[in-house]
mmCIF file of all heavy atoms, coordinates in Angstrom:
data_MODEL
# 
_entry.id   MODEL 
# 
loop_
_atom_site.group_PDB 
_atom_site.id 
_atom_site.type_symbol 
_atom_site.label_atom_id 
_atom_site.label_alt_id 
_atom_site.label_comp_id 
_atom_site.label_asym_id 
_atom_site.label_entity_id 
_atom_site.label_seq_id 
_atom_site.pdbx_PDB_ins_code 
_atom_site.Cartn_x 
_atom_site.Cartn_y 
_atom_site.Cartn_z 
_atom_site.occupancy 
_atom_site.B_iso_or_equiv 
_atom_site.pdbx_formal_charge 
_atom_site.auth_seq_id 
_atom_site.auth_comp_id 
_atom_site.auth_asym_id 
_atom_site.auth_atom_id 
_atom_site.pdbx_PDB_model_num 
ATOM 1   N N   . THR A 1 1  ? 0.831   -1.198 0.000   1.00 0.00 ? 1  THR A N   1 
ATOM 2   C CA  . THR A 1 1  ? 0.000   0.000  0.000   1.00 0.00 ? 1  THR A CA  1 
ATOM 3   C C   . THR A 1 1  ? 0.868   1.252  0.000   1.00 0.00 ? 1  THR A C   1 
ATOM 4   O O   . THR A 1 1  ? 0.584   2.221  -0.713  1.00 0.00 ? 1  THR A O   1 
ATOM 5   C CB  . THR A 1 1  ? -0.940  -0.010 1.215   1.00 0.00 ? 1  THR A CB  1 
ATOM 6   O OG1 . THR A 1 1  ? -1.819  -1.142 1.116   1.00 0.00 ? 1  THR A OG1 1 
ATOM 7   C CG2 . THR A 1 1  ? -1.769  1.265  1.285   1.00 0.00 ? 1  THR A CG2 1 
ATOM 8   N N   . ALA A 1 2  ? 1.935   1.241  0.801   1.00 0.00 ? 2  ALA A N   1 
ATOM 9   C CA  . ALA A 1 2  ? 2.852   2.382  0.802   1.00 0.00 ? 2  ALA A CA  1 
ATOM 10  C C   . ALA A 1 2  ? 3.496   2.553  -0.580  1.00 0.00 ? 2  ALA A C   1 
ATOM 11  O O   . ALA A 1 2  ? 3.608   3.677  -1.096  1.00 0.00 ? 2  ALA A O   1 
ATOM 12  C CB  . ALA A 1 2  ? 3.920   2.190  1.871   1.00 0.00 ? 2  ALA A CB  1 
ATOM 13  N N   . PHE A 1 3  ? 3.894   1.463  -1.192  1.00 0.00 ? 3  PHE A N   1 
ATOM 14  C CA  . PHE A 1 3  ? 4.454   1.536  -2.543  1.00 0.00 ? 3  PHE A CA  1 
ATOM 15  C C   . PHE A 1 3  ? 3.466   2.160  -3.529  1.00 0.00 ? 3  PHE A C   1 
ATOM 16  O O   . PHE A 1 3  ? 3.830   3.000  -4.357  1.00 0.00 ? 3  PHE A O   1 
ATOM 17  C CB  . PHE A 1 3  ? 4.826   0.134  -3.037  1.00 0.00 ? 3  PHE A CB  1 
ATOM 18  C CG  . PHE A 1 3  ? 6.258   -0.236 -2.786  1.00 0.00 ? 3  PHE A CG  1 
ATOM 19  C CD1 . PHE A 1 3  ? 6.583   -1.323 -1.985  1.00 0.00 ? 3  PHE A CD1 1 
ATOM 20  C CD2 . PHE A 1 3  ? 7.279   0.488  -3.359  1.00 0.00 ? 3  PHE A CD2 1 
ATOM 21  C CE1 . PHE A 1 3  ? 7.900   -1.676 -1.764  1.00 0.00 ? 3  PHE A CE1 1 
ATOM 22  C CE2 . PHE A 1 3  ? 8.610   0.139  -3.145  1.00 0.00 ? 3  PHE A CE2 1 
ATOM 23  C CZ  . PHE A 1 3  ? 8.922   -0.943 -2.338  1.00 0.00 ? 3  PHE A CZ  1 
ATOM 24  N N   . ARG A 1 4  ? 2.220   1.720  -3.427  1.00 0.00 ? 4  ARG A N   1 
ATOM 25  C CA  . ARG A 1 4  ? 1.219   2.214  -4.375  1.00 0.00 ? 4  ARG A CA  1 
ATOM 26  C C   . ARG A 1 4  ? 0.973   3.705  -4.187  1.00 0.00 ? 4  ARG A C   1 
ATOM 27  O O   . ARG A 1 4  ? 0.715   4.427  -5.151  1.00 0.00 ? 4  ARG A O   1 
ATOM 28  C CB  . ARG A 1 4  ? -0.068  1.405  -4.219  1.00 0.00 ? 4  ARG A CB  1 
ATOM 29  C CG  . ARG A 1 4  ? 0.100   -0.036 -4.674  1.00 0.00 ? 4  ARG A CG  1 
ATOM 30  C CD  . ARG A 1 4  ? -1.051  -0.917 -4.290  1.00 0.00 ? 4  ARG A CD  1 
ATOM 31  N NE  . ARG A 1 4  ? -2.185  -0.762 -5.193  1.00 0.00 ? 4  ARG A NE  1 
ATOM 32  C CZ  . ARG A 1 4  ? -3.302  -1.469 -5.083  1.00 0.00 ? 4  ARG A CZ  1 
ATOM 33  N NH1 . ARG A 1 4  ? -3.426  -2.367 -4.103  1.00 0.00 ? 4  ARG A NH1 1 
ATOM 34  N NH2 . ARG A 1 4  ? -4.283  -1.292 -5.924  1.00 0.00 ? 4  ARG A NH2 1 
ATOM 35  N N   . VAL A 1 5  ? 1.049   4.176  -2.944  1.00 0.00 ? 5  VAL A N   1 
ATOM 36  C CA  . VAL A 1 5  ? 0.955   5.615  -2.697  1.00 0.00 ? 5  VAL A CA  1 
ATOM 37  C C   . VAL A 1 5  ? 2.082   6.342  -3.420  1.00 0.00 ? 5  VAL A C   1 
ATOM 38  O O   . VAL A 1 5  ? 1.863   7.352  -4.103  1.00 0.00 ? 5  VAL A O   1 
ATOM 39  C CB  . VAL A 1 5  ? 1.004   5.908  -1.178  1.00 0.00 ? 5  VAL A CB  1 
ATOM 40  C CG1 . VAL A 1 5  ? 1.268   7.393  -0.910  1.00 0.00 ? 5  VAL A CG1 1 
ATOM 41  C CG2 . VAL A 1 5  ? -0.293  5.468  -0.509  1.00 0.00 ? 5  VAL A CG2 1 
ATOM 42  N N   . LEU A 1 6  ? 3.283   5.836  -3.275  1.00 0.00 ? 6  LEU A N   1 
ATOM 43  C CA  . LEU A 1 6  ? 4.434   6.477  -3.909  1.00 0.00 ? 6  LEU A CA  1 
ATOM 44  C C   . LEU A 1 6  ? 4.347   6.395  -5.442  1.00 0.00 ? 6  LEU A C   1 
ATOM 45  O O   . LEU A 1 6  ? 4.638   7.362  -6.150  1.00 0.00 ? 6  LEU A O   1 
ATOM 46  C CB  . LEU A 1 6  ? 5.727   5.847  -3.402  1.00 0.00 ? 6  LEU A CB  1 
ATOM 47  C CG  . LEU A 1 6  ? 7.028   6.486  -3.887  1.00 0.00 ? 6  LEU A CG  1 
ATOM 48  C CD1 . LEU A 1 6  ? 7.062   7.982  -3.579  1.00 0.00 ? 6  LEU A CD1 1 
ATOM 49  C CD2 . LEU A 1 6  ? 8.216   5.795  -3.258  1.00 0.00 ? 6  LEU A CD2 1 
ATOM 50  N N   . PHE A 1 7  ? 3.926   5.229  -5.958  1.00 0.00 ? 7  PHE A N   1 
ATOM 51  C CA  . PHE A 1 7  ? 3.770   5.095  -7.412  1.00 0.00 ? 7  PHE A CA  1 
ATOM 52  C C   . PHE A 1 7  ? 2.774   6.113  -7.950  1.00 0.00 ? 7  PHE A C   1 
ATOM 53  O O   . PHE A 1 7  ? 2.994   6.728  -8.994  1.00 0.00 ? 7  PHE A O   1 
ATOM 54  C CB  . PHE A 1 7  ? 3.304   3.681  -7.781  1.00 0.00 ? 7  PHE A CB  1 
ATOM 55  C CG  . PHE A 1 7  ? 4.295   2.595  -7.477  1.00 0.00 ? 7  PHE A CG  1 
ATOM 56  C CD1 . PHE A 1 7  ? 3.860   1.314  -7.176  1.00 0.00 ? 7  PHE A CD1 1 
ATOM 57  C CD2 . PHE A 1 7  ? 5.659   2.832  -7.492  1.00 0.00 ? 7  PHE A CD2 1 
ATOM 58  C CE1 . PHE A 1 7  ? 4.754   0.291  -6.906  1.00 0.00 ? 7  PHE A CE1 1 
ATOM 59  C CE2 . PHE A 1 7  ? 6.569   1.816  -7.222  1.00 0.00 ? 7  PHE A CE2 1 
ATOM 60  C CZ  . PHE A 1 7  ? 6.118   0.546  -6.933  1.00 0.00 ? 7  PHE A CZ  1 
ATOM 61  N N   . GLU A 1 8  ? 1.653   6.276  -7.232  1.00 0.00 ? 8  GLU A N   1 
ATOM 62  C CA  . GLU A 1 8  ? 0.647   7.235  -7.689  1.00 0.00 ? 8  GLU A CA  1 
ATOM 63  C C   . GLU A 1 8  ? 1.198   8.662  -7.660  1.00 0.00 ? 8  GLU A C   1 
ATOM 64  O O   . GLU A 1 8  ? 0.925   9.463  -8.554  1.00 0.00 ? 8  GLU A O   1 
ATOM 65  C CB  . GLU A 1 8  ? -0.625  7.132  -6.848  1.00 0.00 ? 8  GLU A CB  1 
ATOM 66  C CG  . GLU A 1 8  ? -1.729  8.053  -7.334  1.00 0.00 ? 8  GLU A CG  1 
ATOM 67  C CD  . GLU A 1 8  ? -3.065  7.827  -6.660  1.00 0.00 ? 8  GLU A CD  1 
ATOM 68  O OE1 . GLU A 1 8  ? -3.253  6.765  -6.032  1.00 0.00 ? 8  GLU A OE1 1 
ATOM 69  O OE2 . GLU A 1 8  ? -3.934  8.722  -6.758  1.00 0.00 ? 8  GLU A OE2 1 
ATOM 70  N N   . ARG A 1 9  ? 1.961   8.960  -6.606  1.00 0.00 ? 9  ARG A N   1 
ATOM 71  C CA  . ARG A 1 9  ? 2.560   10.302 -6.531  1.00 0.00 ? 9  ARG A CA  1 
ATOM 72  C C   . ARG A 1 9  ? 3.495   10.543 -7.722  1.00 0.00 ? 9  ARG A C   1 
ATOM 73  O O   . ARG A 1 9  ? 3.507   11.629 -8.321  1.00 0.00 ? 9  ARG A O   1 
ATOM 74  C CB  . ARG A 1 9  ? 3.338   10.431 -5.210  1.00 0.00 ? 9  ARG A CB  1 
ATOM 75  C CG  . ARG A 1 9  ? 4.263   11.635 -5.119  1.00 0.00 ? 9  ARG A CG  1 
ATOM 76  C CD  . ARG A 1 9  ? 3.505   12.951 -5.203  1.00 0.00 ? 9  ARG A CD  1 
ATOM 77  N NE  . ARG A 1 9  ? 4.423   14.081 -5.160  1.00 0.00 ? 9  ARG A NE  1 
ATOM 78  C CZ  . ARG A 1 9  ? 5.073   14.587 -6.224  1.00 0.00 ? 9  ARG A CZ  1 
ATOM 79  N NH1 . ARG A 1 9  ? 4.917   14.035 -7.414  1.00 0.00 ? 9  ARG A NH1 1 
ATOM 80  N NH2 . ARG A 1 9  ? 5.877   15.625 -6.086  1.00 0.00 ? 9  ARG A NH2 1 
ATOM 81  N N   . LEU A 1 10 ? 4.235   9.529  -8.096  1.00 0.00 ? 10 LEU A N   1 
ATOM 82  C CA  . LEU A 1 10 ? 5.166   9.677  -9.210  1.00 0.00 ? 10 LEU A CA  1 
ATOM 83  C C   . LEU A 1 10 ? 4.436   9.791  -10.546 1.00 0.00 ? 10 LEU A C   1 
ATOM 84  O O   . LEU A 1 10 ? 4.836   10.544 -11.433 1.00 0.00 ? 10 LEU A O   1 
ATOM 85  C CB  . LEU A 1 10 ? 6.133   8.497  -9.238  1.00 0.00 ? 10 LEU A CB  1 
ATOM 86  C CG  . LEU A 1 10 ? 7.079   8.400  -8.046  1.00 0.00 ? 10 LEU A CG  1 
ATOM 87  C CD1 . LEU A 1 10 ? 7.921   7.141  -8.130  1.00 0.00 ? 10 LEU A CD1 1 
ATOM 88  C CD2 . LEU A 1 10 ? 7.970   9.617  -7.967  1.00 0.00 ? 10 LEU A CD2 1 
ATOM 89  N N   . ASP A 1 11 ? 3.366   9.032  -10.692 1.00 0.00 ? 11 ASP A N   1 
ATOM 90  C CA  . ASP A 1 11 ? 2.633   9.036  -11.963 1.00 0.00 ? 11 ASP A CA  1 
ATOM 91  C C   . ASP A 1 11 ? 1.800   10.299 -12.152 1.00 0.00 ? 11 ASP A C   1 
ATOM 92  O O   . ASP A 1 11 ? 1.718   10.834 -13.255 1.00 0.00 ? 11 ASP A O   1 
ATOM 93  C CB  . ASP A 1 11 ? 1.725   7.807  -12.046 1.00 0.00 ? 11 ASP A CB  1 
ATOM 94  C CG  . ASP A 1 11 ? 2.511   6.518  -12.223 1.00 0.00 ? 11 ASP A CG  1 
ATOM 95  O OD1 . ASP A 1 11 ? 3.662   6.592  -12.695 1.00 0.00 ? 11 ASP A OD1 1 
ATOM 96  O OD2 . ASP A 1 11 ? 1.977   5.448  -11.881 1.00 0.00 ? 11 ASP A OD2 1 
ATOM 97  N N   . SER A 1 12 ? 1.171   10.780 -11.073 1.00 0.00 ? 12 SER A N   1 
ATOM 98  C CA  . SER A 1 12 ? 0.224   11.895 -11.194 1.00 0.00 ? 12 SER A CA  1 
ATOM 99  C C   . SER A 1 12 ? 0.828   13.251 -10.864 1.00 0.00 ? 12 SER A C   1 
ATOM 100 O O   . SER A 1 12 ? 0.298   14.289 -11.257 1.00 0.00 ? 12 SER A O   1 
ATOM 101 C CB  . SER A 1 12 ? -0.984  11.661 -10.278 1.00 0.00 ? 12 SER A CB  1 
ATOM 102 O OG  . SER A 1 12 ? -0.603  11.805 -8.908  1.00 0.00 ? 12 SER A OG  1 
ATOM 103 N N   . GLY A 1 13 ? 1.921   13.259 -10.098 1.00 0.00 ? 13 GLY A N   1 
ATOM 104 C CA  . GLY A 1 13 ? 2.490   14.506 -9.621  1.00 0.00 ? 13 GLY A CA  1 
ATOM 105 C C   . GLY A 1 13 ? 1.849   15.010 -8.349  1.00 0.00 ? 13 GLY A C   1 
ATOM 106 O O   . GLY A 1 13 ? 2.245   16.069 -7.837  1.00 0.00 ? 13 GLY A O   1 
ATOM 107 N N   . ASN A 1 14 ? 0.875   14.268 -7.798  1.00 0.00 ? 14 ASN A N   1 
ATOM 108 C CA  . ASN A 1 14 ? 0.184   14.685 -6.573  1.00 0.00 ? 14 ASN A CA  1 
ATOM 109 C C   . ASN A 1 14 ? 0.101   13.518 -5.602  1.00 0.00 ? 14 ASN A C   1 
ATOM 110 O O   . ASN A 1 14 ? -0.059  12.358 -6.018  1.00 0.00 ? 14 ASN A O   1 
ATOM 111 C CB  . ASN A 1 14 ? -1.236  15.176 -6.889  1.00 0.00 ? 14 ASN A CB  1 
ATOM 112 C CG  . ASN A 1 14 ? -1.239  16.386 -7.786  1.00 0.00 ? 14 ASN A CG  1 
ATOM 113 O OD1 . ASN A 1 14 ? -0.715  17.442 -7.441  1.00 0.00 ? 14 ASN A OD1 1 
ATOM 114 N ND2 . ASN A 1 14 ? -1.831  16.238 -8.971  1.00 0.00 ? 14 ASN A ND2 1 
ATOM 115 N N   . TRP A 1 15 ? 0.184   13.831 -4.309  1.00 0.00 ? 15 TRP A N   1 
ATOM 116 C CA  . TRP A 1 15 ? 0.004   12.789 -3.297  1.00 0.00 ? 15 TRP A CA  1 
ATOM 117 C C   . TRP A 1 15 ? -1.470  12.394 -3.242  1.00 0.00 ? 15 TRP A C   1 
ATOM 118 O O   . TRP A 1 15 ? -2.342  13.255 -3.197  1.00 0.00 ? 15 TRP A O   1 
ATOM 119 C CB  . TRP A 1 15 ? 0.440   13.278 -1.924  1.00 0.00 ? 15 TRP A CB  1 
ATOM 120 C CG  . TRP A 1 15 ? 1.917   13.476 -1.773  1.00 0.00 ? 15 TRP A CG  1 
ATOM 121 C CD1 . TRP A 1 15 ? 2.589   14.657 -1.743  1.00 0.00 ? 15 TRP A CD1 1 
ATOM 122 C CD2 . TRP A 1 15 ? 2.906   12.447 -1.619  1.00 0.00 ? 15 TRP A CD2 1 
ATOM 123 N NE1 . TRP A 1 15 ? 3.938   14.447 -1.593  1.00 0.00 ? 15 TRP A NE1 1 
ATOM 124 C CE2 . TRP A 1 15 ? 4.171   13.100 -1.507  1.00 0.00 ? 15 TRP A CE2 1 
ATOM 125 C CE3 . TRP A 1 15 ? 2.855   11.056 -1.566  1.00 0.00 ? 15 TRP A CE3 1 
ATOM 126 C CZ2 . TRP A 1 15 ? 5.357   12.404 -1.341  1.00 0.00 ? 15 TRP A CZ2 1 
ATOM 127 C CZ3 . TRP A 1 15 ? 4.056   10.353 -1.410  1.00 0.00 ? 15 TRP A CZ3 1 
ATOM 128 C CH2 . TRP A 1 15 ? 5.279   11.017 -1.298  1.00 0.00 ? 15 TRP A CH2 1 
ATOM 129 N N   . PRO A 1 16 ? -1.769  11.100 -3.220  1.00 0.00 ? 16 PRO A N   1 
ATOM 130 C CA  . PRO A 1 16 ? -3.158  10.653 -3.056  1.00 0.00 ? 16 PRO A CA  1 
ATOM 131 C C   . PRO A 1 16 ? -3.597  10.806 -1.603  1.00 0.00 ? 16 PRO A C   1 
ATOM 132 O O   . PRO A 1 16 ? -2.788  11.153 -0.739  1.00 0.00 ? 16 PRO A O   1 
ATOM 133 C CB  . PRO A 1 16 ? -3.080  9.181  -3.460  1.00 0.00 ? 16 PRO A CB  1 
ATOM 134 C CG  . PRO A 1 16 ? -1.701  8.769  -3.100  1.00 0.00 ? 16 PRO A CG  1 
ATOM 135 C CD  . PRO A 1 16 ? -0.833  9.979  -3.350  1.00 0.00 ? 16 PRO A CD  1 
ATOM 136 N N   . PRO A 1 17 ? -4.885  10.555 -1.295  1.00 0.00 ? 17 PRO A N   1 
ATOM 137 C CA  . PRO A 1 17 ? -5.343  10.618 0.099   1.00 0.00 ? 17 PRO A CA  1 
ATOM 138 C C   . PRO A 1 17 ? -4.551  9.665  0.982   1.00 0.00 ? 17 PRO A C   1 
ATOM 139 O O   . PRO A 1 17 ? -4.309  8.512  0.612   1.00 0.00 ? 17 PRO A O   1 
ATOM 140 C CB  . PRO A 1 17 ? -6.808  10.196 0.009   1.00 0.00 ? 17 PRO A CB  1 
ATOM 141 C CG  . PRO A 1 17 ? -7.212  10.523 -1.391  1.00 0.00 ? 17 PRO A CG  1 
ATOM 142 C CD  . PRO A 1 17 ? -5.991  10.274 -2.232  1.00 0.00 ? 17 PRO A CD  1 
ATOM 143 N N   . LEU A 1 18 ? -4.136  10.159 2.147   1.00 0.00 ? 18 LEU A N   1 
ATOM 144 C CA  . LEU A 1 18 ? -3.309  9.369  3.059   1.00 0.00 ? 18 LEU A CA  1 
ATOM 145 C C   . LEU A 1 18 ? -3.987  9.151  4.407   1.00 0.00 ? 18 LEU A C   1 
ATOM 146 O O   . LEU A 1 18 ? -3.321  8.816  5.384   1.00 0.00 ? 18 LEU A O   1 
ATOM 147 C CB  . LEU A 1 18 ? -1.953  10.054 3.267   1.00 0.00 ? 18 LEU A CB  1 
ATOM 148 C CG  . LEU A 1 18 ? -1.079  10.211 2.019   1.00 0.00 ? 18 LEU A CG  1 
ATOM 149 C CD1 . LEU A 1 18 ? 0.230   10.914 2.361   1.00 0.00 ? 18 LEU A CD1 1 
ATOM 150 C CD2 . LEU A 1 18 ? -0.788  8.859  1.380   1.00 0.00 ? 18 LEU A CD2 1 
ATOM 151 N N   . ASP A 1 19 ? -5.300  9.326  4.482   1.00 0.00 ? 19 ASP A N   1 
ATOM 152 C CA  . ASP A 1 19 ? -5.985  9.086  5.749   1.00 0.00 ? 19 ASP A CA  1 
ATOM 153 C C   . ASP A 1 19 ? -5.978  7.588  6.037   1.00 0.00 ? 19 ASP A C   1 
ATOM 154 O O   . ASP A 1 19 ? -6.019  6.749  5.120   1.00 0.00 ? 19 ASP A O   1 
ATOM 155 C CB  . ASP A 1 19 ? -7.416  9.617  5.695   1.00 0.00 ? 19 ASP A CB  1 
ATOM 156 C CG  . ASP A 1 19 ? -8.230  8.953  4.603   1.00 0.00 ? 19 ASP A CG  1 
ATOM 157 O OD1 . ASP A 1 19 ? -8.046  9.331  3.418   1.00 0.00 ? 19 ASP A OD1 1 
ATOM 158 O OD2 . ASP A 1 19 ? -9.017  8.044  4.910   1.00 0.00 ? 19 ASP A OD2 1 
ATOM 159 N N   . PRO A 1 20 ? -5.900  7.210  7.330   1.00 0.00 ? 20 PRO A N   1 
ATOM 160 C CA  . PRO A 1 20 ? -5.780  5.794  7.676   1.00 0.00 ? 20 PRO A CA  1 
ATOM 161 C C   . PRO A 1 20 ? -6.903  4.919  7.129   1.00 0.00 ? 20 PRO A C   1 
ATOM 162 O O   . PRO A 1 20 ? -6.647  3.778  6.722   1.00 0.00 ? 20 PRO A O   1 
ATOM 163 C CB  . PRO A 1 20 ? -5.779  5.808  9.208   1.00 0.00 ? 20 PRO A CB  1 
ATOM 164 C CG  . PRO A 1 20 ? -5.228  7.147  9.565   1.00 0.00 ? 20 PRO A CG  1 
ATOM 165 C CD  . PRO A 1 20 ? -5.755  8.077  8.513   1.00 0.00 ? 20 PRO A CD  1 
ATOM 166 N N   . ALA A 1 21 ? -8.137  5.425  7.116   1.00 0.00 ? 21 ALA A N   1 
ATOM 167 C CA  . ALA A 1 21 ? -9.247  4.605  6.637   1.00 0.00 ? 21 ALA A CA  1 
ATOM 168 C C   . ALA A 1 21 ? -9.052  4.214  5.176   1.00 0.00 ? 21 ALA A C   1 
ATOM 169 O O   . ALA A 1 21 ? -9.262  3.052  4.789   1.00 0.00 ? 21 ALA A O   1 
ATOM 170 C CB  . ALA A 1 21 ? -10.564 5.357  6.809   1.00 0.00 ? 21 ALA A CB  1 
ATOM 171 N N   . THR A 1 22 ? -8.628  5.160  4.351   1.00 0.00 ? 22 THR A N   1 
ATOM 172 C CA  . THR A 1 22 ? -8.386  4.873  2.934   1.00 0.00 ? 22 THR A CA  1 
ATOM 173 C C   . THR A 1 22 ? -7.239  3.889  2.768   1.00 0.00 ? 22 THR A C   1 
ATOM 174 O O   . THR A 1 22 ? -7.310  2.942  1.969   1.00 0.00 ? 22 THR A O   1 
ATOM 175 C CB  . THR A 1 22 ? -8.082  6.177  2.182   1.00 0.00 ? 22 THR A CB  1 
ATOM 176 O OG1 . THR A 1 22 ? -9.219  7.046  2.275   1.00 0.00 ? 22 THR A OG1 1 
ATOM 177 C CG2 . THR A 1 22 ? -7.773  5.907  0.721   1.00 0.00 ? 22 THR A CG2 1 
ATOM 178 N N   . LEU A 1 23 ? -6.158  4.101  3.523   1.00 0.00 ? 23 LEU A N   1 
ATOM 179 C CA  . LEU A 1 23 ? -4.997  3.211  3.422   1.00 0.00 ? 23 LEU A CA  1 
ATOM 180 C C   . LEU A 1 23 ? -5.336  1.807  3.896   1.00 0.00 ? 23 LEU A C   1 
ATOM 181 O O   . LEU A 1 23 ? -4.943  0.809  3.259   1.00 0.00 ? 23 LEU A O   1 
ATOM 182 C CB  . LEU A 1 23 ? -3.843  3.781  4.247   1.00 0.00 ? 23 LEU A CB  1 
ATOM 183 C CG  . LEU A 1 23 ? -3.270  5.120  3.767   1.00 0.00 ? 23 LEU A CG  1 
ATOM 184 C CD1 . LEU A 1 23 ? -2.283  5.665  4.798   1.00 0.00 ? 23 LEU A CD1 1 
ATOM 185 C CD2 . LEU A 1 23 ? -2.592  4.967  2.406   1.00 0.00 ? 23 LEU A CD2 1 
ATOM 186 N N   . ASN A 1 24 ? -6.059  1.690  4.995   1.00 0.00 ? 24 ASN A N   1 
ATOM 187 C CA  . ASN A 1 24 ? -6.414  0.363  5.509   1.00 0.00 ? 24 ASN A CA  1 
ATOM 188 C C   . ASN A 1 24 ? -7.344  -0.370 4.558   1.00 0.00 ? 24 ASN A C   1 
ATOM 189 O O   . ASN A 1 24 ? -7.219  -1.586 4.355   1.00 0.00 ? 24 ASN A O   1 
ATOM 190 C CB  . ASN A 1 24 ? -7.048  0.496  6.895   1.00 0.00 ? 24 ASN A CB  1 
ATOM 191 C CG  . ASN A 1 24 ? -6.036  0.846  7.971   1.00 0.00 ? 24 ASN A CG  1 
ATOM 192 O OD1 . ASN A 1 24 ? -4.879  0.431  7.908   1.00 0.00 ? 24 ASN A OD1 1 
ATOM 193 N ND2 . ASN A 1 24 ? -6.448  1.614  8.959   1.00 0.00 ? 24 ASN A ND2 1 
ATOM 194 N N   . GLN A 1 25 ? -8.269  0.373  3.959   1.00 0.00 ? 25 GLN A N   1 
ATOM 195 C CA  . GLN A 1 25 ? -9.169  -0.246 2.987   1.00 0.00 ? 25 GLN A CA  1 
ATOM 196 C C   . GLN A 1 25 ? -8.395  -0.753 1.780   1.00 0.00 ? 25 GLN A C   1 
ATOM 197 O O   . GLN A 1 25 ? -8.645  -1.846 1.268   1.00 0.00 ? 25 GLN A O   1 
ATOM 198 C CB  . GLN A 1 25 ? -10.233 0.754  2.546   1.00 0.00 ? 25 GLN A CB  1 
ATOM 199 C CG  . GLN A 1 25 ? -11.270 0.181  1.587   1.00 0.00 ? 25 GLN A CG  1 
ATOM 200 C CD  . GLN A 1 25 ? -12.326 1.198  1.205   1.00 0.00 ? 25 GLN A CD  1 
ATOM 201 O OE1 . GLN A 1 25 ? -12.182 2.394  1.434   1.00 0.00 ? 25 GLN A OE1 1 
ATOM 202 N NE2 . GLN A 1 25 ? -13.420 0.722  0.619   1.00 0.00 ? 25 GLN A NE2 1 
ATOM 203 N N   . ALA A 1 26 ? -7.415  0.032  1.330   1.00 0.00 ? 26 ALA A N   1 
ATOM 204 C CA  . ALA A 1 26 ? -6.591  -0.396 0.196   1.00 0.00 ? 26 ALA A CA  1 
ATOM 205 C C   . ALA A 1 26 ? -5.796  -1.647 0.551   1.00 0.00 ? 26 ALA A C   1 
ATOM 206 O O   . ALA A 1 26 ? -5.650  -2.564 -0.277  1.00 0.00 ? 26 ALA A O   1 
ATOM 207 C CB  . ALA A 1 26 ? -5.653  0.735  -0.206  1.00 0.00 ? 26 ALA A CB  1 
# 
């Protein structure tokens, strides 16, 4: 999940939502 956050940041140029509920669901 942490990797996917970083991948999305690299692909889009923006950090995705990082609230715990979203991360835990992912």
